[in-house]
Structure formats: C-alpha cells, structure tokens
Amino acid sequence: MKTLTLIIVGLILIQPPSAMAGDEEDVAAVLKKLWVDISNKKINTSTISSNGVWQAKSSGGLWDLLTPNEVITMINDSPNNLKFRPHHIEVGIVGKNKDVAHVNYYLVGTIAGPDGKIITKDYRTRASEVMVKKDNTWVTVSSHYSPLYGGMGVILD
C-alpha cells in the first residue's frame, strides 16, 4: 500500500502545473482595463512586455515591434481618442507551464478627433492578443487587429 501511495504522489508531482484558478478572468480583466486606460490616455506599462509588443494595426501594414514607451507615445501623442470596448473575450491558457494566454475578442467603439468630433463612428475590429505571465502579472507580447466586415478600422488623418 505504501508503494502505491508513493507512486500516486509521484505522478501528481510530475504533472505540469495547470492554469491557476482565475487566470482566464485575470487576463480578461487586464485586457478590459487596458482599453479603459487607452480611452483615458493613461497606459500602464506594467501590462506590456519589457521586451516590447509585436503589433499589427487595423489600419493595415506590416508587423511592428514597439517598445513600451513607443506604445505610450503612440496613444498619448495622437490627436485622436480611441474609445473602444472589448466584447466576447475568449481566453485560452496554454504552454508547458500554463503561462501563455491567447485571447480573441471583438473591439468596438468610436474614434474622436482633438475637438471631440467623431472621426470613426463604427469602429469594429477582430482582435487577438498573446500574453505571458511574468512574476504573476499578465503582459502583452503580441497584438493583432483587423477590421470586421461592415465596420471600420483606424482611419488615419
């Protein structure tokens, strides 16, 4: 009996750690807060990988590696204000250590100019993020946005 108990305990200990309870909710909360922060032009760099984030914007173009400071500058120095809300957030926790999250969602809202005039009234985009868990904090390493049929992506002035 002692041998069977040792085998069972050993098998439990060698299993890779599963996603911590609440990881999916934590990732969704980080994402929701990010878009509130972007709307208020107050981005928290602790949710951006210190190595930068690979990004493909809904305006088209190629992948671009942005440092956390470049992300802040892109949002804060823009004359436009992005008022977006994520919807239908789906989070998958993957990786050997369950420390990688793949997030799919829809992003909807408006883009207002510096005078508050609406530039894009029907911003609708498919979005995906890849996040990794660093020191118990989920940080973004990759973001991809593409216009949703019938909606508008970012319109550059």
N, C-alpha and C. Protein backbone atom coordinates (compact mmCIF):
# COMPACT_ATOMS: atom_id res chain seq x y z
N MET A 1 0.82 -1.20 0.00
CA MET A 1 0.00 0.00 0.00
C MET A 1 0.86 1.26 0.00
N LYS A 2 1.98 1.18 0.77
CA LYS A 2 2.87 2.31 0.83
C LYS A 2 3.45 2.61 -0.56
N THR A 3 3.79 1.59 -1.31
CA THR A 3 4.34 1.75 -2.66
C THR A 3 3.31 2.40 -3.58
N LEU A 4 2.06 1.96 -3.51
CA LEU A 4 1.00 2.55 -4.34
C LEU A 4 0.81 4.03 -4.02
N THR A 5 0.83 4.36 -2.75
CA THR A 5 0.69 5.76 -2.32
C THR A 5 1.85 6.59 -2.86
N LEU A 6 3.07 6.08 -2.78
CA LEU A 6 4.24 6.80 -3.29
C LEU A 6 4.14 7.01 -4.80
N ILE A 7 3.66 6.00 -5.52
CA ILE A 7 3.51 6.12 -6.98
C ILE A 7 2.48 7.20 -7.32
N ILE A 8 1.35 7.19 -6.63
CA ILE A 8 0.30 8.19 -6.89
C ILE A 8 0.82 9.59 -6.59
N VAL A 9 1.47 9.77 -5.45
CA VAL A 9 2.02 11.09 -5.09
C VAL A 9 3.06 11.51 -6.13
N GLY A 10 3.92 10.58 -6.54
CA GLY A 10 4.93 10.88 -7.56
C GLY A 10 4.31 11.31 -8.88
N LEU A 11 3.25 10.63 -9.31
CA LEU A 11 2.58 11.00 -10.56
C LEU A 11 1.95 12.38 -10.46
N ILE A 12 1.39 12.70 -9.32
CA ILE A 12 0.79 14.02 -9.13
C ILE A 12 1.86 15.10 -9.20
N LEU A 13 3.00 14.85 -8.58
CA LEU A 13 4.07 15.85 -8.54
C LEU A 13 4.73 16.10 -9.89
N ILE A 14 4.75 15.10 -10.79
CA ILE A 14 5.43 15.31 -12.06
C ILE A 14 4.50 15.90 -13.13
N GLN A 15 3.23 16.08 -12.81
CA GLN A 15 2.32 16.69 -13.78
C GLN A 15 2.67 18.16 -13.94
N PRO A 16 2.59 18.70 -15.17
CA PRO A 16 2.84 20.13 -15.33
C PRO A 16 1.78 20.92 -14.59
N PRO A 17 2.15 22.09 -14.08
CA PRO A 17 1.16 22.87 -13.34
C PRO A 17 0.01 23.27 -14.26
N SER A 18 -1.17 23.17 -13.74
CA SER A 18 -2.32 23.59 -14.54
C SER A 18 -2.51 25.09 -14.38
N ALA A 19 -3.34 25.65 -15.23
CA ALA A 19 -3.63 27.08 -15.12
C ALA A 19 -4.20 27.34 -13.74
N MET A 20 -3.71 28.36 -13.12
CA MET A 20 -4.21 28.72 -11.80
C MET A 20 -5.66 29.13 -11.94
N ALA A 21 -6.43 28.78 -10.93
CA ALA A 21 -7.84 29.18 -10.94
C ALA A 21 -7.89 30.69 -11.07
N GLY A 22 -8.67 31.17 -12.00
CA GLY A 22 -8.83 32.60 -12.19
C GLY A 22 -7.93 33.21 -13.24
N ASP A 23 -7.01 32.44 -13.83
CA ASP A 23 -6.13 33.03 -14.84
C ASP A 23 -6.92 33.61 -16.01
N GLU A 24 -7.92 32.90 -16.48
CA GLU A 24 -8.72 33.40 -17.60
C GLU A 24 -9.38 34.72 -17.23
N GLU A 25 -9.93 34.79 -16.02
CA GLU A 25 -10.57 36.02 -15.55
C GLU A 25 -9.55 37.14 -15.38
N ASP A 26 -8.35 36.79 -14.88
CA ASP A 26 -7.30 37.79 -14.70
C ASP A 26 -6.88 38.39 -16.04
N VAL A 27 -6.72 37.54 -17.05
CA VAL A 27 -6.34 38.01 -18.39
C VAL A 27 -7.43 38.93 -18.94
N ALA A 28 -8.69 38.52 -18.83
CA ALA A 28 -9.79 39.35 -19.33
C ALA A 28 -9.83 40.69 -18.60
N ALA A 29 -9.58 40.69 -17.30
CA ALA A 29 -9.57 41.94 -16.53
C ALA A 29 -8.44 42.87 -16.97
N VAL A 30 -7.26 42.30 -17.22
CA VAL A 30 -6.13 43.11 -17.70
C VAL A 30 -6.50 43.75 -19.05
N LEU A 31 -7.10 42.97 -19.91
CA LEU A 31 -7.49 43.45 -21.24
C LEU A 31 -8.54 44.57 -21.14
N LYS A 32 -9.56 44.36 -20.33
CA LYS A 32 -10.60 45.39 -20.17
C LYS A 32 -10.01 46.69 -19.62
N LYS A 33 -9.14 46.56 -18.62
CA LYS A 33 -8.51 47.75 -18.04
C LYS A 33 -7.62 48.45 -19.06
N LEU A 34 -6.92 47.68 -19.88
CA LEU A 34 -6.07 48.28 -20.92
C LEU A 34 -6.88 49.22 -21.80
N TRP A 35 -8.06 48.78 -22.23
CA TRP A 35 -8.86 49.62 -23.14
C TRP A 35 -9.47 50.82 -22.43
N VAL A 36 -9.75 50.70 -21.13
CA VAL A 36 -10.17 51.88 -20.36
C VAL A 36 -9.01 52.86 -20.28
N ASP A 37 -7.81 52.33 -19.98
CA ASP A 37 -6.61 53.18 -19.90
C ASP A 37 -6.32 53.87 -21.23
N ILE A 38 -6.46 53.15 -22.34
CA ILE A 38 -6.22 53.75 -23.65
C ILE A 38 -7.23 54.86 -23.90
N SER A 39 -8.50 54.64 -23.55
CA SER A 39 -9.53 55.68 -23.72
C SER A 39 -9.19 56.93 -22.92
N ASN A 40 -8.56 56.74 -21.76
CA ASN A 40 -8.19 57.86 -20.89
C ASN A 40 -6.77 58.35 -21.14
N LYS A 41 -6.09 57.74 -22.11
CA LYS A 41 -4.70 58.07 -22.44
C LYS A 41 -3.79 57.97 -21.21
N LYS A 42 -3.99 56.90 -20.45
CA LYS A 42 -3.18 56.64 -19.25
C LYS A 42 -2.81 55.16 -19.24
N ILE A 43 -1.87 54.79 -20.10
CA ILE A 43 -1.49 53.38 -20.24
C ILE A 43 -0.53 52.97 -19.13
N ASN A 44 -0.79 51.80 -18.56
CA ASN A 44 0.06 51.22 -17.54
C ASN A 44 1.05 50.30 -18.22
N THR A 45 2.32 50.67 -18.25
CA THR A 45 3.32 49.87 -18.96
C THR A 45 3.59 48.53 -18.30
N SER A 46 3.09 48.32 -17.08
CA SER A 46 3.34 47.02 -16.43
C SER A 46 2.60 45.89 -17.13
N THR A 47 1.65 46.21 -18.03
CA THR A 47 0.94 45.17 -18.76
C THR A 47 1.49 44.98 -20.17
N ILE A 48 2.62 45.63 -20.45
CA ILE A 48 3.29 45.49 -21.75
C ILE A 48 4.64 44.84 -21.50
N SER A 49 4.98 43.84 -22.27
CA SER A 49 6.26 43.16 -22.09
C SER A 49 7.40 44.18 -22.16
N SER A 50 8.35 44.05 -21.25
CA SER A 50 9.51 44.96 -21.26
C SER A 50 10.33 44.79 -22.53
N ASN A 51 10.17 43.65 -23.22
CA ASN A 51 10.85 43.42 -24.50
C ASN A 51 10.10 44.04 -25.67
N GLY A 52 8.94 44.62 -25.40
CA GLY A 52 8.13 45.22 -26.45
C GLY A 52 6.98 44.34 -26.85
N VAL A 53 6.15 44.85 -27.75
CA VAL A 53 4.98 44.12 -28.21
C VAL A 53 4.96 44.16 -29.74
N TRP A 54 4.80 42.99 -30.34
CA TRP A 54 4.62 42.91 -31.79
C TRP A 54 3.18 43.30 -32.08
N GLN A 55 2.99 44.23 -33.02
CA GLN A 55 1.64 44.72 -33.27
C GLN A 55 1.35 44.86 -34.75
N ALA A 56 0.15 44.42 -35.13
CA ALA A 56 -0.37 44.64 -36.48
C ALA A 56 -1.67 45.43 -36.31
N LYS A 57 -1.66 46.68 -36.76
CA LYS A 57 -2.78 47.58 -36.53
C LYS A 57 -3.90 47.36 -37.54
N SER A 58 -5.11 47.79 -37.17
CA SER A 58 -6.27 47.62 -38.04
C SER A 58 -6.24 48.55 -39.24
N SER A 59 -5.29 49.49 -39.25
CA SER A 59 -5.14 50.37 -40.42
C SER A 59 -4.36 49.67 -41.54
N GLY A 60 -3.89 48.47 -41.25
CA GLY A 60 -3.12 47.72 -42.24
C GLY A 60 -1.63 47.87 -41.99
N GLY A 61 -0.85 47.36 -42.89
CA GLY A 61 0.59 47.47 -42.74
C GLY A 61 1.21 46.19 -42.22
N LEU A 62 2.49 46.28 -41.95
CA LEU A 62 3.26 45.13 -41.53
C LEU A 62 3.33 45.05 -40.01
N TRP A 63 3.81 43.91 -39.51
CA TRP A 63 4.05 43.77 -38.09
C TRP A 63 5.10 44.78 -37.66
N ASP A 64 4.95 45.31 -36.47
CA ASP A 64 5.86 46.32 -35.95
C ASP A 64 6.16 45.99 -34.49
N LEU A 65 7.43 45.99 -34.11
CA LEU A 65 7.81 45.76 -32.72
C LEU A 65 7.91 47.12 -32.03
N LEU A 66 7.05 47.33 -31.03
CA LEU A 66 7.02 48.60 -30.32
C LEU A 66 7.50 48.41 -28.89
N THR A 67 8.36 49.30 -28.41
CA THR A 67 8.76 49.28 -27.01
C THR A 67 7.59 49.80 -26.18
N PRO A 68 7.59 49.55 -24.87
CA PRO A 68 6.53 50.11 -24.03
C PRO A 68 6.41 51.63 -24.18
N ASN A 69 7.54 52.33 -24.26
CA ASN A 69 7.48 53.79 -24.42
C ASN A 69 6.89 54.19 -25.76
N GLU A 70 7.16 53.42 -26.81
CA GLU A 70 6.57 53.72 -28.12
C GLU A 70 5.06 53.51 -28.11
N VAL A 71 4.60 52.52 -27.36
CA VAL A 71 3.16 52.30 -27.24
C VAL A 71 2.51 53.50 -26.55
N ILE A 72 3.12 53.95 -25.46
CA ILE A 72 2.59 55.11 -24.73
C ILE A 72 2.57 56.34 -25.62
N THR A 73 3.66 56.58 -26.34
CA THR A 73 3.75 57.74 -27.23
C THR A 73 2.70 57.65 -28.33
N MET A 74 2.52 56.47 -28.91
CA MET A 74 1.54 56.30 -29.98
C MET A 74 0.14 56.70 -29.51
N ILE A 75 -0.22 56.33 -28.29
CA ILE A 75 -1.55 56.65 -27.76
C ILE A 75 -1.61 58.09 -27.26
N ASN A 76 -0.66 58.49 -26.43
CA ASN A 76 -0.71 59.81 -25.80
C ASN A 76 -0.49 60.96 -26.76
N ASP A 77 0.37 60.78 -27.76
CA ASP A 77 0.67 61.87 -28.68
C ASP A 77 -0.30 61.95 -29.85
N SER A 78 -1.17 60.98 -29.98
CA SER A 78 -2.15 61.02 -31.05
C SER A 78 -3.17 62.12 -30.76
N PRO A 79 -3.54 62.89 -31.77
CA PRO A 79 -4.59 63.90 -31.53
C PRO A 79 -5.96 63.25 -31.34
N ASN A 80 -6.07 61.99 -31.73
CA ASN A 80 -7.35 61.29 -31.65
C ASN A 80 -7.49 60.51 -30.36
N ASN A 81 -8.73 60.26 -29.98
CA ASN A 81 -9.02 59.49 -28.78
C ASN A 81 -9.77 58.22 -29.16
N LEU A 82 -9.21 57.08 -28.79
CA LEU A 82 -9.79 55.78 -29.11
C LEU A 82 -10.71 55.37 -27.96
N LYS A 83 -11.99 55.30 -28.23
CA LYS A 83 -12.98 54.90 -27.22
C LYS A 83 -13.50 53.52 -27.61
N PHE A 84 -12.73 52.49 -27.28
CA PHE A 84 -13.05 51.12 -27.67
C PHE A 84 -13.40 50.29 -26.44
N ARG A 85 -14.25 49.28 -26.67
CA ARG A 85 -14.61 48.32 -25.63
C ARG A 85 -14.47 46.91 -26.20
N PRO A 86 -13.82 46.02 -25.45
CA PRO A 86 -13.72 44.63 -25.92
C PRO A 86 -15.01 43.87 -25.62
N HIS A 87 -15.39 42.99 -26.55
CA HIS A 87 -16.59 42.16 -26.40
C HIS A 87 -16.27 40.71 -26.74
N HIS A 88 -17.01 39.79 -26.16
CA HIS A 88 -16.89 38.36 -26.45
C HIS A 88 -15.45 37.88 -26.28
N ILE A 89 -14.87 38.18 -25.15
CA ILE A 89 -13.48 37.81 -24.86
C ILE A 89 -13.39 36.31 -24.60
N GLU A 90 -12.52 35.65 -25.37
CA GLU A 90 -12.25 34.22 -25.19
C GLU A 90 -10.77 34.07 -24.84
N VAL A 91 -10.48 33.44 -23.72
CA VAL A 91 -9.11 33.28 -23.24
C VAL A 91 -8.76 31.80 -23.21
N GLY A 92 -7.61 31.47 -23.79
CA GLY A 92 -7.07 30.11 -23.69
C GLY A 92 -5.71 30.17 -23.02
N ILE A 93 -5.53 29.38 -21.98
CA ILE A 93 -4.24 29.33 -21.28
C ILE A 93 -3.51 28.11 -21.80
N VAL A 94 -2.29 28.31 -22.31
CA VAL A 94 -1.53 27.23 -22.93
C VAL A 94 -0.08 27.26 -22.45
N GLY A 95 0.70 26.35 -22.97
CA GLY A 95 2.12 26.28 -22.66
C GLY A 95 2.39 25.25 -21.57
N LYS A 96 3.60 24.76 -21.56
CA LYS A 96 4.00 23.73 -20.61
C LYS A 96 3.72 24.17 -19.17
N ASN A 97 3.98 25.42 -18.87
CA ASN A 97 3.79 25.93 -17.51
C ASN A 97 2.48 26.71 -17.35
N LYS A 98 1.62 26.64 -18.37
CA LYS A 98 0.35 27.36 -18.33
C LYS A 98 0.57 28.84 -18.06
N ASP A 99 1.57 29.40 -18.75
CA ASP A 99 1.92 30.81 -18.54
C ASP A 99 1.79 31.63 -19.81
N VAL A 100 1.06 31.10 -20.79
CA VAL A 100 0.82 31.81 -22.04
C VAL A 100 -0.70 31.86 -22.25
N ALA A 101 -1.19 33.04 -22.59
CA ALA A 101 -2.62 33.20 -22.86
C ALA A 101 -2.80 33.68 -24.29
N HIS A 102 -3.73 33.06 -24.99
CA HIS A 102 -4.14 33.52 -26.31
C HIS A 102 -5.56 34.06 -26.15
N VAL A 103 -5.76 35.31 -26.55
CA VAL A 103 -7.04 35.97 -26.33
C VAL A 103 -7.62 36.41 -27.67
N ASN A 104 -8.88 36.04 -27.92
CA ASN A 104 -9.61 36.50 -29.10
C ASN A 104 -10.80 37.32 -28.61
N TYR A 105 -11.08 38.43 -29.30
CA TYR A 105 -12.23 39.24 -28.92
C TYR A 105 -12.57 40.20 -30.06
N TYR A 106 -13.67 40.89 -29.89
CA TYR A 106 -14.06 41.95 -30.82
C TYR A 106 -13.89 43.28 -30.10
N LEU A 107 -13.46 44.27 -30.84
CA LEU A 107 -13.23 45.60 -30.29
C LEU A 107 -14.17 46.55 -31.03
N VAL A 108 -15.00 47.27 -30.30
CA VAL A 108 -15.96 48.19 -30.94
C VAL A 108 -15.90 49.54 -30.24
N GLY A 109 -16.30 50.57 -30.98
CA GLY A 109 -16.34 51.90 -30.39
C GLY A 109 -16.22 52.99 -31.42
N THR A 110 -15.66 54.10 -30.99
CA THR A 110 -15.52 55.27 -31.85
C THR A 110 -14.11 55.84 -31.73
N ILE A 111 -13.77 56.66 -32.72
CA ILE A 111 -12.53 57.44 -32.66
C ILE A 111 -12.94 58.90 -32.77
N ALA A 112 -12.53 59.69 -31.78
CA ALA A 112 -12.86 61.11 -31.78
C ALA A 112 -11.61 61.93 -32.04
N GLY A 113 -11.77 63.03 -32.75
CA GLY A 113 -10.67 63.95 -33.01
C GLY A 113 -10.39 64.81 -31.80
N PRO A 114 -9.38 65.70 -31.90
CA PRO A 114 -8.99 66.52 -30.75
C PRO A 114 -10.12 67.46 -30.29
N ASP A 115 -11.02 67.79 -31.20
CA ASP A 115 -12.14 68.67 -30.85
C ASP A 115 -13.35 67.88 -30.35
N GLY A 116 -13.21 66.55 -30.23
CA GLY A 116 -14.30 65.70 -29.78
C GLY A 116 -15.21 65.22 -30.90
N LYS A 117 -14.98 65.75 -32.12
CA LYS A 117 -15.80 65.33 -33.26
C LYS A 117 -15.48 63.88 -33.60
N ILE A 118 -16.53 63.10 -33.85
CA ILE A 118 -16.35 61.68 -34.17
C ILE A 118 -15.78 61.54 -35.58
N ILE A 119 -14.64 60.87 -35.68
CA ILE A 119 -13.98 60.61 -36.96
C ILE A 119 -14.42 59.26 -37.50
N THR A 120 -14.47 58.28 -36.63
CA THR A 120 -14.90 56.92 -36.97
C THR A 120 -16.02 56.55 -36.02
N LYS A 121 -17.23 56.42 -36.54
CA LYS A 121 -18.38 56.17 -35.67
C LYS A 121 -18.65 54.69 -35.45
N ASP A 122 -18.08 53.86 -36.30
CA ASP A 122 -18.40 52.44 -36.24
C ASP A 122 -17.14 51.59 -36.30
N TYR A 123 -16.24 51.83 -35.35
CA TYR A 123 -15.02 51.04 -35.30
C TYR A 123 -15.39 49.64 -34.82
N ARG A 124 -15.13 48.65 -35.66
CA ARG A 124 -15.36 47.25 -35.30
C ARG A 124 -14.20 46.43 -35.84
N THR A 125 -13.54 45.74 -34.96
CA THR A 125 -12.33 45.02 -35.34
C THR A 125 -12.26 43.68 -34.62
N ARG A 126 -11.72 42.70 -35.32
CA ARG A 126 -11.35 41.43 -34.68
C ARG A 126 -9.99 41.66 -34.04
N ALA A 127 -9.83 41.13 -32.85
CA ALA A 127 -8.56 41.34 -32.15
C ALA A 127 -8.08 40.04 -31.54
N SER A 128 -6.76 39.91 -31.48
CA SER A 128 -6.16 38.79 -30.75
C SER A 128 -4.90 39.30 -30.06
N GLU A 129 -4.67 38.76 -28.90
CA GLU A 129 -3.50 39.13 -28.09
C GLU A 129 -2.82 37.84 -27.65
N VAL A 130 -1.50 37.90 -27.52
CA VAL A 130 -0.76 36.84 -26.85
C VAL A 130 -0.15 37.50 -25.62
N MET A 131 -0.42 36.88 -24.48
CA MET A 131 0.08 37.40 -23.21
C MET A 131 0.87 36.31 -22.51
N VAL A 132 1.87 36.71 -21.74
CA VAL A 132 2.64 35.76 -20.94
C VAL A 132 2.60 36.22 -19.48
N LYS A 133 2.72 35.24 -18.61
CA LYS A 133 2.68 35.54 -17.18
C LYS A 133 4.11 35.71 -16.68
N LYS A 134 4.42 36.91 -16.23
CA LYS A 134 5.74 37.25 -15.69
C LYS A 134 5.56 37.74 -14.26
N ASP A 135 6.15 37.06 -13.31
CA ASP A 135 6.03 37.46 -11.89
C ASP A 135 4.58 37.66 -11.49
N ASN A 136 3.73 36.71 -11.87
CA ASN A 136 2.30 36.71 -11.55
C ASN A 136 1.52 37.87 -12.17
N THR A 137 2.07 38.50 -13.20
CA THR A 137 1.38 39.56 -13.93
C THR A 137 1.30 39.17 -15.40
N TRP A 138 0.13 39.31 -16.00
CA TRP A 138 -0.04 39.01 -17.42
C TRP A 138 0.39 40.22 -18.23
N VAL A 139 1.35 40.02 -19.16
CA VAL A 139 1.84 41.11 -20.01
C VAL A 139 1.64 40.75 -21.48
N THR A 140 1.35 41.74 -22.29
CA THR A 140 1.11 41.54 -23.71
C THR A 140 2.43 41.48 -24.46
N VAL A 141 2.56 40.47 -25.35
CA VAL A 141 3.74 40.35 -26.19
C VAL A 141 3.39 40.50 -27.67
N SER A 142 2.10 40.35 -28.01
CA SER A 142 1.69 40.45 -29.41
C SER A 142 0.22 40.84 -29.49
N SER A 143 -0.09 41.74 -30.44
CA SER A 143 -1.46 42.19 -30.66
C SER A 143 -1.72 42.25 -32.15
N HIS A 144 -2.89 41.76 -32.57
CA HIS A 144 -3.27 41.82 -33.98
C HIS A 144 -4.72 42.29 -34.08
N TYR A 145 -4.92 43.28 -34.95
CA TYR A 145 -6.25 43.85 -35.15
C TYR A 145 -6.55 43.88 -36.64
N SER A 146 -7.75 43.43 -37.01
CA SER A 146 -8.15 43.51 -38.41
C SER A 146 -9.62 43.91 -38.48
N PRO A 147 -9.96 44.84 -39.40
CA PRO A 147 -11.34 45.34 -39.46
C PRO A 147 -12.35 44.21 -39.65
N LEU A 148 -13.44 44.33 -38.96
CA LEU A 148 -14.54 43.37 -39.05
C LEU A 148 -15.44 43.79 -40.20
N TYR A 149 -15.93 42.82 -40.95
CA TYR A 149 -16.80 43.12 -42.09
C TYR A 149 -17.93 44.05 -41.65
N GLY A 150 -18.11 45.12 -42.40
CA GLY A 150 -19.15 46.10 -42.11
C GLY A 150 -18.73 47.16 -41.12
N GLY A 151 -17.54 47.02 -40.55
CA GLY A 151 -17.04 48.02 -39.62
C GLY A 151 -15.86 48.75 -40.21
N MET A 152 -15.33 49.64 -39.46
CA MET A 152 -14.19 50.44 -39.91
C MET A 152 -12.99 50.15 -39.01
N GLY A 153 -11.83 50.16 -39.60
CA GLY A 153 -10.61 50.10 -38.81
C GLY A 153 -10.19 51.52 -38.48
N VAL A 154 -8.99 51.71 -38.07
CA VAL A 154 -8.48 53.04 -37.78
C VAL A 154 -8.33 53.81 -39.08
N ILE A 155 -8.84 55.02 -39.11
CA ILE A 155 -8.69 55.89 -40.28
C ILE A 155 -7.67 56.94 -39.91
N LEU A 156 -6.62 57.00 -40.68
CA LEU A 156 -5.57 57.97 -40.39
C LEU A 156 -5.88 59.29 -41.10
N ASP A 157 -5.71 60.39 -40.36
CA ASP A 157 -5.96 61.73 -40.94
C ASP A 157 -4.87 62.09 -41.91
